Amino acid sequence: MKYSRKRYQTAVLVLMAIYFAAILLLSPHVRDAQGVLAKAVLAVAPALPVVGVVWLMTWRVVHSDELEQRVHLIALSVASGTVASLSLIVGFLAAGGVVAPGEDALIWVFPGLCAIYGLTRWSLSRYYGREGRG
């Protein structure tokens, strides 16, 4: 089954709304929850819609034509390499006592990947003349 752009965007929007609601409604209660299992469930719940978005993105790439796959994979490579390099730099700065990342610093890895992926994919789509397709 191929997802149209509109259907894909609608599914992503619904999953992100669920994510946003889970962050607002569940996250404030994680520290107060009784028991490790309850804390783990409340802490991980907001990540589940994001996993759904990753699955949708993968489905979309797999069912794209070769040029579109190339654009997606180059953008993913650029995003992964950039975030990995920045993480390594921050890790060395933290080990050297220059910075002290907060306990929630890892939460920003996925949004960083998405932002860099999106910008790179947009640039590549313009470069290849495929803006607005797919």
C-alpha atoms as a PDB file:
ATOM      1  CA  MET A   1       0.000   0.000   0.000  1.00  0.00           C
ATOM      2  CA  LYS A   2       1.411   3.384  -1.003  1.00  0.00           C
ATOM      3  CA  TYR A   3       0.772   6.397   1.199  1.00  0.00           C
ATOM      4  CA  SER A   4      -0.147   9.555  -0.644  1.00  0.00           C
ATOM      5  CA  ARG A   5       1.612  12.691   0.579  1.00  0.00           C
ATOM      6  CA  LYS A   6      -1.621  13.929   2.169  1.00  0.00           C
ATOM      7  CA  ARG A   7      -2.305  10.624   3.923  1.00  0.00           C
ATOM      8  CA  TYR A   8       1.298  10.462   5.175  1.00  0.00           C
ATOM      9  CA  GLN A   9       1.150  14.043   6.482  1.00  0.00           C
ATOM     10  CA  THR A  10      -2.185  13.384   8.196  1.00  0.00           C
ATOM     11  CA  ALA A  11      -0.835  10.252   9.903  1.00  0.00           C
ATOM     12  CA  VAL A  12       2.292  12.116  11.051  1.00  0.00           C
ATOM     13  CA  LEU A  13       0.165  15.014  12.331  1.00  0.00           C
ATOM     14  CA  VAL A  14      -2.061  12.655  14.342  1.00  0.00           C
ATOM     15  CA  LEU A  15       0.947  10.837  15.827  1.00  0.00           C
ATOM     16  CA  MET A  16       2.639  14.131  16.722  1.00  0.00           C
ATOM     17  CA  ALA A  17      -0.579  15.347  18.392  1.00  0.00           C
ATOM     18  CA  ILE A  18      -0.590  12.166  20.474  1.00  0.00           C
ATOM     19  CA  TYR A  19       3.089  12.763  21.294  1.00  0.00           C
ATOM     20  CA  PHE A  20       2.365  16.353  22.340  1.00  0.00           C
ATOM     21  CA  ALA A  21      -0.553  15.253  24.528  1.00  0.00           C
ATOM     22  CA  ALA A  22       1.574  12.523  26.137  1.00  0.00           C
ATOM     23  CA  ILE A  23       4.331  15.035  26.905  1.00  0.00           C
ATOM     24  CA  LEU A  24       1.855  17.449  28.493  1.00  0.00           C
ATOM     25  CA  LEU A  25      -0.244  14.884  30.357  1.00  0.00           C
ATOM     26  CA  LEU A  26       2.173  12.104  31.332  1.00  0.00           C
ATOM     27  CA  SER A  27       5.664  13.555  31.633  1.00  0.00           C
ATOM     28  CA  PRO A  28       4.910  15.743  34.680  1.00  0.00           C
ATOM     29  CA  HIS A  29       3.927  12.609  36.628  1.00  0.00           C
ATOM     30  CA  VAL A  30       6.995  10.441  35.932  1.00  0.00           C
ATOM     31  CA  ARG A  31       9.015  11.486  38.993  1.00  0.00           C
ATOM     32  CA  ASP A  32       6.022  11.124  41.331  1.00  0.00           C
ATOM     33  CA  ALA A  33       4.976   7.683  40.101  1.00  0.00           C
ATOM     34  CA  GLN A  34       5.286   4.779  42.511  1.00  0.00           C
ATOM     35  CA  GLY A  35       7.429   1.870  41.359  1.00  0.00           C
ATOM     36  CA  VAL A  36       9.942   1.408  38.610  1.00  0.00           C
ATOM     37  CA  LEU A  37       7.435  -0.103  36.171  1.00  0.00           C
ATOM     38  CA  ALA A  38       4.997   2.821  36.490  1.00  0.00           C
ATOM     39  CA  LYS A  39       7.848   5.315  36.040  1.00  0.00           C
ATOM     40  CA  ALA A  40       9.159   3.432  33.005  1.00  0.00           C
ATOM     41  CA  VAL A  41       5.719   3.285  31.369  1.00  0.00           C
ATOM     42  CA  LEU A  42       5.094   6.993  31.925  1.00  0.00           C
ATOM     43  CA  ALA A  43       8.589   7.920  30.756  1.00  0.00           C
ATOM     44  CA  VAL A  44       8.496   5.815  27.572  1.00  0.00           C
ATOM     45  CA  ALA A  45       4.875   6.491  26.547  1.00  0.00           C
ATOM     46  CA  PRO A  46       5.638   9.731  24.651  1.00  0.00           C
ATOM     47  CA  ALA A  47       8.271   7.921  22.565  1.00  0.00           C
ATOM     48  CA  LEU A  48       5.757   5.426  21.135  1.00  0.00           C
ATOM     49  CA  PRO A  49       4.103   7.848  18.667  1.00  0.00           C
ATOM     50  CA  VAL A  50       7.592   8.924  17.554  1.00  0.00           C
ATOM     51  CA  VAL A  51       8.427   5.284  16.828  1.00  0.00           C
ATOM     52  CA  GLY A  52       5.253   5.252  14.706  1.00  0.00           C
ATOM     53  CA  VAL A  53       6.487   8.270  12.753  1.00  0.00           C
ATOM     54  CA  VAL A  54       9.846   6.566  12.168  1.00  0.00           C
ATOM     55  CA  TRP A  55       7.989   3.508  10.865  1.00  0.00           C
ATOM     56  CA  LEU A  56       5.927   5.716   8.509  1.00  0.00           C
ATOM     57  CA  MET A  57       9.068   7.453   7.260  1.00  0.00           C
ATOM     58  CA  THR A  58      10.719   4.099   6.606  1.00  0.00           C
ATOM     59  CA  TRP A  59       7.625   2.847   4.767  1.00  0.00           C
ATOM     60  CA  ARG A  60       7.606   5.999   2.647  1.00  0.00           C
ATOM     61  CA  VAL A  61      11.285   5.688   1.707  1.00  0.00           C
ATOM     62  CA  VAL A  62      11.025   1.981   0.873  1.00  0.00           C
ATOM     63  CA  HIS A  63       8.074   2.625  -1.429  1.00  0.00           C
ATOM     64  CA  SER A  64       9.620   5.646  -3.177  1.00  0.00           C
ATOM     65  CA  ASP A  65      11.254   5.669  -6.580  1.00  0.00           C
ATOM     66  CA  GLU A  66      15.048   5.459  -6.840  1.00  0.00           C
ATOM     67  CA  LEU A  67      15.684   9.210  -6.985  1.00  0.00           C
ATOM     68  CA  GLU A  68      13.459   9.878  -4.006  1.00  0.00           C
ATOM     69  CA  GLN A  69      15.180   7.081  -2.065  1.00  0.00           C
ATOM     70  CA  ARG A  70      18.537   8.624  -2.910  1.00  0.00           C
ATOM     71  CA  VAL A  71      17.392  12.016  -1.600  1.00  0.00           C
ATOM     72  CA  HIS A  72      16.051  10.486   1.624  1.00  0.00           C
ATOM     73  CA  LEU A  73      19.176   8.414   2.237  1.00  0.00           C
ATOM     74  CA  ILE A  74      21.608  11.266   1.557  1.00  0.00           C
ATOM     75  CA  ALA A  75      19.615  13.507   3.906  1.00  0.00           C
ATOM     76  CA  LEU A  76      19.605  10.786   6.570  1.00  0.00           C
ATOM     77  CA  SER A  77      23.369  10.323   6.163  1.00  0.00           C
ATOM     78  CA  VAL A  78      24.026  14.052   6.533  1.00  0.00           C
ATOM     79  CA  ALA A  79      21.745  14.280   9.585  1.00  0.00           C
ATOM     80  CA  SER A  80      23.244  11.202  11.260  1.00  0.00           C
ATOM     81  CA  GLY A  81      26.814  12.315  10.639  1.00  0.00           C
ATOM     82  CA  THR A  82      26.135  15.841  11.877  1.00  0.00           C
ATOM     83  CA  VAL A  83      24.347  14.761  15.064  1.00  0.00           C
ATOM     84  CA  ALA A  84      26.957  12.064  15.782  1.00  0.00           C
ATOM     85  CA  SER A  85      29.781  14.592  15.339  1.00  0.00           C
ATOM     86  CA  LEU A  86      28.079  17.157  17.563  1.00  0.00           C
ATOM     87  CA  SER A  87      27.402  14.482  20.195  1.00  0.00           C
ATOM     88  CA  LEU A  88      31.063  13.485  20.150  1.00  0.00           C
ATOM     89  CA  ILE A  89      32.140  17.115  20.536  1.00  0.00           C
ATOM     90  CA  VAL A  90      29.748  17.680  23.451  1.00  0.00           C
ATOM     91  CA  GLY A  91      30.941  14.399  24.998  1.00  0.00           C
ATOM     92  CA  PHE A  92      34.559  15.530  24.880  1.00  0.00           C
ATOM     93  CA  LEU A  93      33.638  18.962  26.250  1.00  0.00           C
ATOM     94  CA  ALA A  94      31.717  17.290  29.095  1.00  0.00           C
ATOM     95  CA  ALA A  95      34.590  14.897  29.830  1.00  0.00           C
ATOM     96  CA  GLY A  96      36.917  17.888  29.988  1.00  0.00           C
ATOM     97  CA  GLY A  97      34.613  19.735  32.388  1.00  0.00           C
ATOM     98  CA  VAL A  98      33.947  22.539  29.904  1.00  0.00           C
ATOM     99  CA  VAL A  99      30.181  21.938  29.728  1.00  0.00           C
ATOM    100  CA  ALA A 100      27.737  19.967  31.838  1.00  0.00           C
ATOM    101  CA  PRO A 101      24.844  18.735  29.669  1.00  0.00           C
ATOM    102  CA  GLY A 102      21.541  18.433  31.512  1.00  0.00           C
ATOM    103  CA  GLU A 103      19.987  15.092  32.298  1.00  0.00           C
ATOM    104  CA  ASP A 104      17.486  15.649  29.486  1.00  0.00           C
ATOM    105  CA  ALA A 105      20.132  16.399  26.816  1.00  0.00           C
ATOM    106  CA  LEU A 106      19.487  13.138  24.944  1.00  0.00           C
ATOM    107  CA  ILE A 107      15.894  14.186  24.309  1.00  0.00           C
ATOM    108  CA  TRP A 108      17.233  16.667  21.730  1.00  0.00           C
ATOM    109  CA  VAL A 109      19.021  14.061  19.581  1.00  0.00           C
ATOM    110  CA  PHE A 110      15.933  12.954  17.637  1.00  0.00           C
ATOM    111  CA  PRO A 111      14.581  16.479  16.998  1.00  0.00           C
ATOM    112  CA  GLY A 112      18.079  17.465  15.875  1.00  0.00           C
ATOM    113  CA  LEU A 113      18.175  14.545  13.454  1.00  0.00           C
ATOM    114  CA  CYS A 114      14.738  15.463  12.125  1.00  0.00           C
ATOM    115  CA  ALA A 115      15.603  19.146  11.664  1.00  0.00           C
ATOM    116  CA  ILE A 116      18.862  18.471   9.822  1.00  0.00           C
ATOM    117  CA  TYR A 117      17.239  15.682   7.781  1.00  0.00           C
ATOM    118  CA  GLY A 118      14.370  17.981   6.788  1.00  0.00           C
ATOM    119  CA  LEU A 119      16.622  20.860   5.763  1.00  0.00           C
ATOM    120  CA  THR A 120      18.960  18.587   3.831  1.00  0.00           C
ATOM    121  CA  ARG A 121      16.103  16.775   2.109  1.00  0.00           C
ATOM    122  CA  TRP A 122      14.525  20.100   1.151  1.00  0.00           C
ATOM    123  CA  SER A 123      17.849  21.342  -0.305  1.00  0.00           C
ATOM    124  CA  LEU A 124      18.420  18.122  -2.229  1.00  0.00           C
ATOM    125  CA  SER A 125      14.854  18.124  -3.550  1.00  0.00           C
ATOM    126  CA  ARG A 126      15.382  21.627  -4.883  1.00  0.00           C
ATOM    127  CA  TYR A 127      18.754  20.619  -6.336  1.00  0.00           C
ATOM    128  CA  TYR A 128      17.276  17.619  -8.139  1.00  0.00           C
ATOM    129  CA  GLY A 129      14.191  19.579  -9.196  1.00  0.00           C
ATOM    130  CA  ARG A 130      11.741  17.423  -7.270  1.00  0.00           C
ATOM    131  CA  GLU A 131      10.374  20.033  -4.849  1.00  0.00           C
ATOM    132  CA  GLY A 132       6.746  19.357  -4.036  1.00  0.00           C
ATOM    133  CA  ARG A 133       6.669  15.796  -5.381  1.00  0.00           C
ATOM    134  CA  GLY A 134       6.489  12.523  -3.457  1.00  0.00           C
END
